[in-house]
């Protein structure tokens, strides 16, 4: 993942997004559905109907960036709400991009004793 500047907020657009949309279409969705400014430097994440593809929209200060990722197996974990938005931390975004359930991350190994 690209290092984001401090103070950057990450927004998940709840519900389903048409993955045919490009930068301009997603920017309009940010303005209308999320009531945010797509040029404020924050990150906006959208998921398609099947759940195996997401698009990330980010204004880097000198241009709009669009990242698309499709999982070969599995689905991206998404909020159940049909509209609105959810904020994530950068760590949660990293987990989301890896296909990990960012809502309840669990350690797979726990140290028992140093002896």
Protein backbone atom coordinates (compact mmCIF):
# COMPACT_ATOMS: atom_id res chain seq x y z
CA UNK A 1 0.00 0.00 0.00
CA UNK A 2 1.14 3.53 -0.72
CA UNK A 3 2.12 5.45 2.41
CA UNK A 4 -0.64 7.90 3.21
CA UNK A 5 0.01 11.28 4.82
CA UNK A 6 -0.80 11.66 8.52
CA UNK A 7 -4.40 12.66 9.12
CA UNK A 8 -5.72 10.90 6.03
CA UNK A 9 -9.12 9.35 6.70
CA UNK A 10 -10.26 6.16 4.99
CA UNK A 11 -13.93 5.75 4.11
CA UNK A 12 -15.73 2.59 3.00
CA UNK A 13 -18.78 3.31 0.88
CA UNK A 14 -21.39 0.91 2.26
CA UNK A 15 -23.57 -0.93 -0.21
CA UNK A 16 -22.83 -2.00 -3.76
CA UNK A 17 -21.00 0.08 -6.36
CA UNK A 18 -21.00 -0.45 -10.12
CA UNK A 19 -17.41 -1.51 -10.80
CA UNK A 20 -17.63 -0.16 -14.36
CA UNK A 21 -17.33 3.34 -12.84
CA UNK A 22 -14.02 5.11 -13.30
CA UNK A 23 -12.42 8.03 -11.47
CA UNK A 24 -15.08 10.56 -12.43
CA UNK A 25 -18.02 8.27 -11.66
CA UNK A 26 -16.61 7.32 -8.27
CA UNK A 27 -15.82 10.97 -7.48
CA UNK A 28 -19.47 11.84 -8.17
CA UNK A 29 -20.56 9.00 -5.85
CA UNK A 30 -18.29 10.42 -3.11
CA UNK A 31 -19.98 13.81 -3.50
CA UNK A 32 -23.57 12.60 -3.74
CA UNK A 33 -23.83 9.41 -1.65
CA UNK A 34 -21.16 10.14 0.96
CA UNK A 35 -21.47 13.97 1.02
CA UNK A 36 -17.67 14.30 1.00
CA UNK A 37 -15.20 16.15 -1.20
CA UNK A 38 -13.25 13.64 -3.34
CA UNK A 39 -10.39 16.16 -3.64
CA UNK A 40 -9.75 16.51 0.12
CA UNK A 41 -6.96 13.91 0.22
CA UNK A 42 -8.96 11.21 1.98
CA UNK A 43 -9.26 7.64 0.68
CA UNK A 44 -12.59 6.21 -0.51
CA UNK A 45 -13.10 2.46 -0.97
CA UNK A 46 -15.89 0.86 -3.03
CA UNK A 47 -16.94 -2.80 -3.46
CA UNK A 48 -18.74 -4.48 -6.33
CA UNK A 49 -21.80 -6.73 -6.23
CA UNK A 50 -19.95 -10.07 -6.19
CA UNK A 51 -17.65 -8.88 -3.40
CA UNK A 52 -14.42 -10.03 -5.00
CA UNK A 53 -13.42 -6.61 -6.36
CA UNK A 54 -12.78 -3.23 -4.76
CA UNK A 55 -11.72 0.15 -6.08
CA UNK A 56 -9.84 2.74 -4.03
CA UNK A 57 -10.05 6.43 -4.96
CA UNK A 58 -7.52 8.91 -3.58
CA UNK A 59 -6.53 12.47 -4.43
CA UNK A 60 -2.76 12.63 -3.90
CA UNK A 61 -2.52 16.41 -4.13
CA UNK A 62 -1.54 16.60 -7.78
CA UNK A 63 -3.80 13.96 -9.33
CA UNK A 64 -6.51 11.40 -8.76
CA UNK A 65 -5.36 7.81 -8.09
CA UNK A 66 -7.51 4.75 -8.74
CA UNK A 67 -6.51 1.33 -7.45
CA UNK A 68 -8.51 -1.75 -8.35
CA UNK A 69 -8.03 -5.17 -6.75
CA UNK A 70 -9.78 -8.45 -7.46
CA UNK A 71 -9.35 -11.43 -5.16
CA UNK A 72 -8.84 -14.71 -6.96
CA UNK A 73 -10.43 -16.57 -4.03
CA UNK A 74 -12.71 -15.27 -1.31
CA UNK A 75 -14.55 -12.00 -0.80
CA UNK A 76 -13.76 -8.63 0.72
CA UNK A 77 -15.40 -8.16 4.15
CA UNK A 78 -17.92 -5.32 3.94
CA UNK A 79 -20.41 -3.61 6.28
CA UNK A 80 -24.02 -4.89 6.11
CA UNK A 81 -25.50 -1.39 5.70
CA UNK A 82 -26.99 -0.55 2.30
CA UNK A 83 -25.82 3.08 2.32
CA UNK A 84 -23.62 5.50 4.23
CA UNK A 85 -19.97 5.06 5.09
CA UNK A 86 -17.61 3.50 7.62
CA UNK A 87 -14.19 4.82 8.61
CA UNK A 88 -11.13 2.58 8.80
CA UNK A 89 -7.60 2.93 10.11
CA UNK A 90 -4.64 2.40 7.80
CA UNK A 91 -4.02 -0.97 9.47
CA UNK A 92 -7.63 -2.02 8.82
CA UNK A 93 -7.30 -0.93 5.18
CA UNK A 94 -4.18 -3.07 4.83
CA UNK A 95 -6.07 -6.05 6.22
CA UNK A 96 -9.00 -5.38 3.91
CA UNK A 97 -6.71 -5.30 0.88
CA UNK A 98 -5.25 -8.66 1.92
CA UNK A 99 -8.71 -10.22 2.22
CA UNK A 100 -8.54 -10.40 6.02
CA UNK A 101 -11.62 -9.74 8.17
CA UNK A 102 -10.67 -6.28 9.44
CA UNK A 103 -13.59 -6.21 11.92
CA UNK A 104 -12.29 -9.03 14.15
CA UNK A 105 -8.61 -9.72 13.49
CA UNK A 106 -7.32 -12.61 15.56
CA UNK A 107 -3.81 -13.75 16.26
CA UNK A 108 -3.08 -17.24 15.01
CA UNK A 109 -0.39 -17.85 17.61
CA UNK A 110 -0.12 -16.76 21.22
CA UNK A 111 3.07 -17.12 23.27
CA UNK A 112 2.64 -19.44 26.25
CA UNK A 113 5.74 -19.04 28.37
CA UNK A 114 9.30 -17.83 28.03
CA UNK A 115 10.56 -20.98 29.80
